[in-house]
Amino acid sequence: MQLPIGFCGVQVVANNEQSRGLEQFLKLKRACNDNTPRTPPQS
């Protein structure tokens, strides 16, 4: 199950408005993507 785009998108945009550049936006976006729950492989 993946999080809806809005869940991370809204948070990232809101934080980016207070950030000082695109670097912060990319960092937040990457952190958001890294936090996406993944199903562990079952063998």
Protein backbone atom coordinates (compact mmCIF):
# COMPACT_ATOMS: atom_id res chain seq x y z
CA MET A 1 0.00 0.00 0.00
CA GLN A 2 1.41 3.36 -1.03
CA LEU A 3 0.53 6.68 0.53
CA PRO A 4 -1.62 8.98 -1.59
CA ILE A 5 0.35 11.68 -3.39
CA GLY A 6 -1.44 14.37 -1.41
CA PHE A 7 -0.17 12.95 1.89
CA CYS A 8 3.42 13.80 1.06
CA GLY A 9 2.83 16.39 -1.63
CA VAL A 10 0.94 18.82 0.57
CA GLN A 11 3.45 18.55 3.40
CA VAL A 12 6.42 19.02 1.08
CA VAL A 13 4.87 22.06 -0.62
CA ALA A 14 3.94 23.63 2.72
CA ASN A 15 7.48 23.18 4.01
CA ASN A 16 8.96 24.39 0.74
CA GLU A 17 7.13 27.71 1.10
CA GLN A 18 9.18 28.34 4.22
CA SER A 19 12.40 26.90 2.83
CA ARG A 20 15.13 28.94 1.20
CA GLY A 21 15.51 27.00 -2.03
CA LEU A 22 14.91 23.97 -4.19
CA GLU A 23 17.50 21.91 -2.30
CA GLN A 24 15.30 21.78 0.80
CA PHE A 25 12.32 20.82 -1.37
CA LEU A 26 14.22 17.92 -2.92
CA LYS A 27 15.45 16.80 0.50
CA LEU A 28 11.92 16.76 1.90
CA LYS A 29 10.59 15.02 -1.18
CA ARG A 30 13.28 12.36 -0.98
CA ALA A 31 12.67 11.86 2.74
CA CYS A 32 8.98 11.48 2.03
CA ASN A 33 9.64 8.88 -0.65
CA ASP A 34 12.00 7.02 1.68
CA ASN A 35 9.26 6.87 4.31
CA THR A 36 6.86 5.17 1.91
CA PRO A 37 5.96 1.83 3.50
CA ARG A 38 7.27 -1.16 1.56
CA THR A 39 6.12 -4.74 1.88
CA PRO A 40 9.09 -6.93 2.84
CA PRO A 41 9.74 -9.85 0.47
CA GLN A 42 8.34 -13.10 1.82
CA SER A 43 9.92 -16.37 0.74
